[in-house]
């Protein structure tokens, strides 16, 4: 997760010219880096759209695995979300590596 956060902030990159990994050591040293993974992940989650965060909270309450139809039902019972759960609401979290999707299941 730490390396991914450096990549996301363009502090770590692959140089096609030299065909090596490069990094900005001064910027990395100046960056406030959390000591634990939980804090790093929570910062990443807080950058997601609000509706995606809400769906992730519900998903966490449902257990380690849930199908999209169950999640859609639970969301409909709670508050209205701006996006559509079927229409890629959690894709932001999947793209960031915070969730895994296998068919219609989220884990």
N, C-alpha and C. Protein backbone atom coordinates (compact mmCIF):
# COMPACT_ATOMS: atom_id res chain seq x y z
N UNK A 1 0.83 -1.19 0.00
CA UNK A 1 0.00 0.00 0.00
C UNK A 1 0.87 1.26 0.00
N UNK A 2 1.98 1.19 0.71
CA UNK A 2 2.87 2.35 0.76
C UNK A 2 3.42 2.66 -0.63
N UNK A 3 3.90 1.64 -1.33
CA UNK A 3 4.43 1.85 -2.68
C UNK A 3 3.33 2.34 -3.62
N UNK A 4 2.13 1.81 -3.46
CA UNK A 4 1.01 2.25 -4.29
C UNK A 4 0.72 3.72 -4.04
N UNK A 5 0.79 4.17 -2.79
CA UNK A 5 0.53 5.58 -2.49
C UNK A 5 1.61 6.47 -3.10
N UNK A 6 2.87 6.00 -3.12
CA UNK A 6 3.94 6.77 -3.77
C UNK A 6 3.70 6.85 -5.28
N UNK A 7 3.26 5.75 -5.86
CA UNK A 7 2.94 5.71 -7.29
C UNK A 7 1.79 6.66 -7.60
N UNK A 8 0.74 6.63 -6.78
CA UNK A 8 -0.43 7.48 -6.99
C UNK A 8 -0.08 8.96 -6.95
N UNK A 9 0.91 9.31 -6.15
CA UNK A 9 1.30 10.72 -6.00
C UNK A 9 2.48 11.10 -6.90
N UNK A 10 2.80 10.23 -7.85
CA UNK A 10 3.89 10.46 -8.81
C UNK A 10 5.25 10.66 -8.13
N UNK A 11 5.43 10.07 -6.97
CA UNK A 11 6.72 10.13 -6.30
C UNK A 11 7.58 8.92 -6.66
N UNK A 12 6.97 7.92 -7.26
CA UNK A 12 7.64 6.73 -7.74
C UNK A 12 7.13 6.47 -9.15
N UNK A 13 8.04 6.29 -10.08
CA UNK A 13 7.62 6.08 -11.47
C UNK A 13 8.69 5.27 -12.22
N UNK A 14 8.26 4.70 -13.33
CA UNK A 14 9.19 3.94 -14.15
C UNK A 14 9.62 4.81 -15.32
N UNK A 15 10.92 4.96 -15.50
CA UNK A 15 11.47 5.76 -16.59
C UNK A 15 11.66 4.86 -17.81
N UNK A 16 10.95 5.18 -18.88
CA UNK A 16 11.10 4.39 -20.09
C UNK A 16 12.44 4.66 -20.77
N UNK A 17 13.01 5.85 -20.51
CA UNK A 17 14.32 6.18 -21.09
C UNK A 17 15.43 5.31 -20.50
N UNK A 18 15.50 5.30 -19.17
CA UNK A 18 16.57 4.54 -18.52
C UNK A 18 16.15 3.11 -18.18
N UNK A 19 14.86 2.81 -18.38
CA UNK A 19 14.31 1.48 -18.09
C UNK A 19 14.57 1.05 -16.65
N UNK A 20 14.41 2.02 -15.73
CA UNK A 20 14.56 1.76 -14.30
C UNK A 20 13.49 2.51 -13.53
N UNK A 21 13.30 2.10 -12.30
CA UNK A 21 12.39 2.81 -11.41
C UNK A 21 13.11 4.04 -10.87
N UNK A 22 12.38 5.15 -10.80
CA UNK A 22 12.92 6.41 -10.30
C UNK A 22 12.01 6.89 -9.16
N UNK A 23 12.54 7.72 -8.29
CA UNK A 23 11.74 8.29 -7.21
C UNK A 23 12.29 9.64 -6.82
N UNK A 24 11.43 10.42 -6.19
CA UNK A 24 11.80 11.75 -5.72
C UNK A 24 12.05 11.64 -4.22
N UNK A 25 13.29 11.39 -3.84
CA UNK A 25 13.64 11.14 -2.44
C UNK A 25 13.33 12.34 -1.55
N UNK A 26 13.58 13.55 -2.02
CA UNK A 26 13.30 14.75 -1.21
C UNK A 26 11.81 14.88 -0.92
N UNK A 27 10.98 14.63 -1.93
CA UNK A 27 9.52 14.72 -1.73
C UNK A 27 9.03 13.60 -0.82
N UNK A 28 9.61 12.42 -0.95
CA UNK A 28 9.22 11.30 -0.09
C UNK A 28 9.62 11.58 1.35
N UNK A 29 10.81 12.12 1.55
CA UNK A 29 11.26 12.47 2.90
C UNK A 29 10.38 13.55 3.52
N UNK A 30 9.89 14.49 2.70
CA UNK A 30 9.07 15.58 3.21
C UNK A 30 7.63 15.13 3.47
N UNK A 31 7.24 14.02 2.90
CA UNK A 31 5.88 13.51 3.03
C UNK A 31 5.67 12.91 4.41
N UNK A 32 4.50 13.19 4.99
CA UNK A 32 4.15 12.58 6.27
C UNK A 32 3.60 11.19 6.00
N UNK A 33 4.37 10.19 6.36
CA UNK A 33 4.02 8.80 6.06
C UNK A 33 3.51 8.12 7.33
N UNK A 34 2.29 7.57 7.27
CA UNK A 34 1.76 6.89 8.45
C UNK A 34 2.57 5.64 8.78
N UNK A 35 2.66 5.35 10.08
CA UNK A 35 3.41 4.18 10.53
C UNK A 35 2.63 2.89 10.38
N UNK A 36 1.31 2.98 10.28
CA UNK A 36 0.55 1.74 10.18
C UNK A 36 -0.31 1.70 8.92
N UNK A 37 -0.58 0.51 8.48
CA UNK A 37 -1.32 0.30 7.24
C UNK A 37 -2.77 0.77 7.39
N UNK A 38 -3.34 0.63 8.58
CA UNK A 38 -4.72 1.06 8.79
C UNK A 38 -4.92 2.54 8.49
N UNK A 39 -4.01 3.36 8.96
CA UNK A 39 -4.09 4.79 8.70
C UNK A 39 -3.90 5.09 7.21
N UNK A 40 -2.99 4.39 6.59
CA UNK A 40 -2.75 4.55 5.15
C UNK A 40 -4.01 4.19 4.35
N UNK A 41 -4.64 3.08 4.71
CA UNK A 41 -5.86 2.65 4.02
C UNK A 41 -7.02 3.60 4.29
N UNK A 42 -7.13 4.09 5.52
CA UNK A 42 -8.25 5.00 5.82
C UNK A 42 -8.11 6.29 5.03
N UNK A 43 -6.90 6.77 4.84
CA UNK A 43 -6.69 7.97 4.02
C UNK A 43 -7.10 7.71 2.58
N UNK A 44 -6.80 6.53 2.10
CA UNK A 44 -7.16 6.16 0.73
C UNK A 44 -8.68 6.08 0.58
N UNK A 45 -9.34 5.50 1.57
CA UNK A 45 -10.80 5.38 1.54
C UNK A 45 -11.46 6.76 1.59
N UNK A 46 -10.90 7.67 2.36
CA UNK A 46 -11.47 9.01 2.48
C UNK A 46 -11.38 9.80 1.17
N UNK A 47 -10.55 9.37 0.24
CA UNK A 47 -10.44 10.04 -1.05
C UNK A 47 -11.48 9.54 -2.05
N UNK A 48 -12.18 8.46 -1.72
CA UNK A 48 -13.21 7.91 -2.60
C UNK A 48 -14.46 8.79 -2.55
N UNK A 49 -15.31 8.73 -3.58
CA UNK A 49 -16.58 9.46 -3.53
C UNK A 49 -17.41 9.03 -2.31
N UNK A 50 -18.18 9.94 -1.77
CA UNK A 50 -18.95 9.69 -0.54
C UNK A 50 -19.86 8.48 -0.66
N UNK A 51 -20.54 8.33 -1.79
CA UNK A 51 -21.45 7.19 -1.95
C UNK A 51 -20.70 5.87 -1.98
N UNK A 52 -19.51 5.89 -2.54
CA UNK A 52 -18.68 4.68 -2.55
C UNK A 52 -18.26 4.33 -1.12
N UNK A 53 -17.90 5.34 -0.33
CA UNK A 53 -17.54 5.12 1.08
C UNK A 53 -18.73 4.51 1.83
N UNK A 54 -19.92 5.06 1.58
CA UNK A 54 -21.13 4.57 2.25
C UNK A 54 -21.37 3.10 1.91
N UNK A 55 -21.25 2.74 0.63
CA UNK A 55 -21.45 1.35 0.22
C UNK A 55 -20.40 0.44 0.82
N UNK A 56 -19.17 0.93 0.95
CA UNK A 56 -18.12 0.11 1.58
C UNK A 56 -18.42 -0.13 3.06
N UNK A 57 -18.98 0.87 3.74
CA UNK A 57 -19.36 0.68 5.15
C UNK A 57 -20.42 -0.40 5.27
N UNK A 58 -21.42 -0.33 4.40
CA UNK A 58 -22.47 -1.35 4.42
C UNK A 58 -21.90 -2.72 4.09
N UNK A 59 -21.03 -2.78 3.12
CA UNK A 59 -20.41 -4.03 2.74
C UNK A 59 -19.63 -4.63 3.91
N UNK A 60 -18.93 -3.79 4.66
CA UNK A 60 -18.18 -4.25 5.82
C UNK A 60 -19.11 -4.86 6.87
N UNK A 61 -20.31 -4.30 7.01
CA UNK A 61 -21.27 -4.83 7.98
C UNK A 61 -21.85 -6.17 7.53
N UNK A 62 -21.86 -6.41 6.24
CA UNK A 62 -22.46 -7.64 5.70
C UNK A 62 -21.51 -8.83 5.76
N UNK A 63 -20.25 -8.60 5.98
CA UNK A 63 -19.30 -9.71 6.07
C UNK A 63 -18.17 -9.57 5.07
N UNK A 64 -17.43 -10.66 4.90
CA UNK A 64 -16.25 -10.61 4.05
C UNK A 64 -16.57 -10.76 2.58
N UNK A 65 -17.79 -11.16 2.26
CA UNK A 65 -18.19 -11.36 0.87
C UNK A 65 -19.67 -11.05 0.72
N UNK A 66 -20.02 -10.42 -0.40
CA UNK A 66 -21.42 -10.05 -0.62
C UNK A 66 -21.66 -9.92 -2.11
N UNK A 67 -22.84 -10.35 -2.57
CA UNK A 67 -23.13 -10.16 -3.99
C UNK A 67 -23.80 -8.79 -4.20
N UNK A 68 -23.73 -8.32 -5.41
CA UNK A 68 -24.20 -6.97 -5.75
C UNK A 68 -25.69 -6.80 -5.48
N UNK A 69 -26.48 -7.84 -5.71
CA UNK A 69 -27.93 -7.71 -5.50
C UNK A 69 -28.27 -7.53 -4.02
N UNK A 70 -27.57 -8.22 -3.14
CA UNK A 70 -27.78 -8.05 -1.69
C UNK A 70 -27.38 -6.65 -1.26
N UNK A 71 -26.24 -6.19 -1.75
CA UNK A 71 -25.79 -4.84 -1.41
C UNK A 71 -26.77 -3.79 -1.92
N UNK A 72 -27.28 -3.99 -3.12
CA UNK A 72 -28.25 -3.03 -3.68
C UNK A 72 -29.51 -2.98 -2.81
N UNK A 73 -29.96 -4.14 -2.34
CA UNK A 73 -31.13 -4.21 -1.47
C UNK A 73 -30.88 -3.45 -0.16
N UNK A 74 -29.74 -3.67 0.45
CA UNK A 74 -29.40 -3.01 1.73
C UNK A 74 -29.29 -1.50 1.54
N UNK A 75 -28.67 -1.08 0.45
CA UNK A 75 -28.54 0.36 0.18
C UNK A 75 -29.92 0.98 0.00
N UNK A 76 -30.81 0.28 -0.69
CA UNK A 76 -32.17 0.80 -0.92
C UNK A 76 -32.94 0.95 0.39
N UNK A 77 -32.62 0.13 1.40
CA UNK A 77 -33.30 0.22 2.69
C UNK A 77 -32.79 1.39 3.52
N UNK A 78 -31.57 1.81 3.24
CA UNK A 78 -30.95 2.90 4.00
C UNK A 78 -31.22 4.24 3.35
N UNK A 79 -30.17 4.88 2.93
CA UNK A 79 -30.31 6.19 2.31
C UNK A 79 -30.16 6.07 0.80
N UNK A 80 -30.64 7.04 0.09
CA UNK A 80 -30.45 7.06 -1.36
C UNK A 80 -29.03 7.47 -1.66
N UNK A 81 -28.43 6.79 -2.60
CA UNK A 81 -27.10 7.17 -3.06
C UNK A 81 -27.24 7.83 -4.41
N UNK A 82 -26.33 8.75 -4.70
CA UNK A 82 -26.41 9.48 -5.96
C UNK A 82 -26.16 8.57 -7.15
N UNK A 83 -25.25 7.62 -7.00
CA UNK A 83 -24.94 6.72 -8.11
C UNK A 83 -25.78 5.47 -8.05
N UNK A 84 -25.55 4.59 -8.98
CA UNK A 84 -26.27 3.33 -9.06
C UNK A 84 -25.31 2.23 -8.60
N UNK A 85 -25.72 1.44 -7.61
CA UNK A 85 -24.84 0.39 -7.08
C UNK A 85 -24.47 -0.58 -8.18
N UNK A 86 -25.43 -0.92 -9.05
CA UNK A 86 -25.12 -1.81 -10.17
C UNK A 86 -24.20 -1.13 -11.17
N UNK A 87 -24.31 0.17 -11.28
CA UNK A 87 -23.60 0.93 -12.30
C UNK A 87 -22.24 1.41 -11.86
N UNK A 88 -21.47 0.55 -11.26
CA UNK A 88 -20.07 0.84 -10.97
C UNK A 88 -19.81 1.69 -9.74
N UNK A 89 -20.75 1.73 -8.78
CA UNK A 89 -20.55 2.53 -7.58
C UNK A 89 -19.28 2.12 -6.84
N UNK A 90 -19.03 0.82 -6.75
CA UNK A 90 -17.87 0.34 -6.01
C UNK A 90 -16.64 0.14 -6.89
N UNK A 91 -16.75 0.47 -8.17
CA UNK A 91 -15.61 0.31 -9.07
C UNK A 91 -14.44 1.20 -8.66
N UNK A 92 -14.74 2.35 -8.04
CA UNK A 92 -13.66 3.21 -7.54
C UNK A 92 -12.80 2.44 -6.54
N UNK A 93 -13.46 1.74 -5.62
CA UNK A 93 -12.74 0.98 -4.60
C UNK A 93 -12.02 -0.22 -5.22
N UNK A 94 -12.64 -0.85 -6.21
CA UNK A 94 -12.00 -1.97 -6.90
C UNK A 94 -10.75 -1.48 -7.63
N UNK A 95 -10.88 -0.35 -8.33
CA UNK A 95 -9.75 0.23 -9.06
C UNK A 95 -8.59 0.59 -8.14
N UNK A 96 -8.90 1.02 -6.93
CA UNK A 96 -7.87 1.40 -5.97
C UNK A 96 -7.29 0.21 -5.22
N UNK A 97 -7.83 -0.99 -5.48
CA UNK A 97 -7.32 -2.19 -4.82
C UNK A 97 -7.85 -2.37 -3.41
N UNK A 98 -8.91 -1.65 -3.07
CA UNK A 98 -9.49 -1.76 -1.72
C UNK A 98 -10.54 -2.86 -1.64
N UNK A 99 -11.11 -3.23 -2.77
CA UNK A 99 -12.09 -4.32 -2.86
C UNK A 99 -11.70 -5.22 -4.02
N UNK A 100 -12.15 -6.45 -3.95
CA UNK A 100 -11.99 -7.36 -5.07
C UNK A 100 -13.38 -7.71 -5.57
N UNK A 101 -13.50 -7.85 -6.88
CA UNK A 101 -14.78 -8.25 -7.47
C UNK A 101 -14.56 -9.54 -8.24
N UNK A 102 -15.41 -10.53 -7.94
CA UNK A 102 -15.37 -11.81 -8.62
C UNK A 102 -16.78 -12.10 -9.13
N UNK A 103 -17.01 -11.87 -10.40
CA UNK A 103 -18.36 -12.00 -10.94
C UNK A 103 -19.23 -10.89 -10.36
N UNK A 104 -20.30 -11.28 -9.68
CA UNK A 104 -21.16 -10.28 -9.03
C UNK A 104 -20.89 -10.15 -7.54
N UNK A 105 -19.82 -10.81 -7.07
CA UNK A 105 -19.47 -10.77 -5.65
C UNK A 105 -18.36 -9.76 -5.37
N UNK A 106 -18.53 -9.07 -4.26
CA UNK A 106 -17.48 -8.18 -3.75
C UNK A 106 -16.86 -8.79 -2.52
N UNK A 107 -15.56 -8.67 -2.39
CA UNK A 107 -14.87 -9.20 -1.20
C UNK A 107 -13.81 -8.21 -0.77
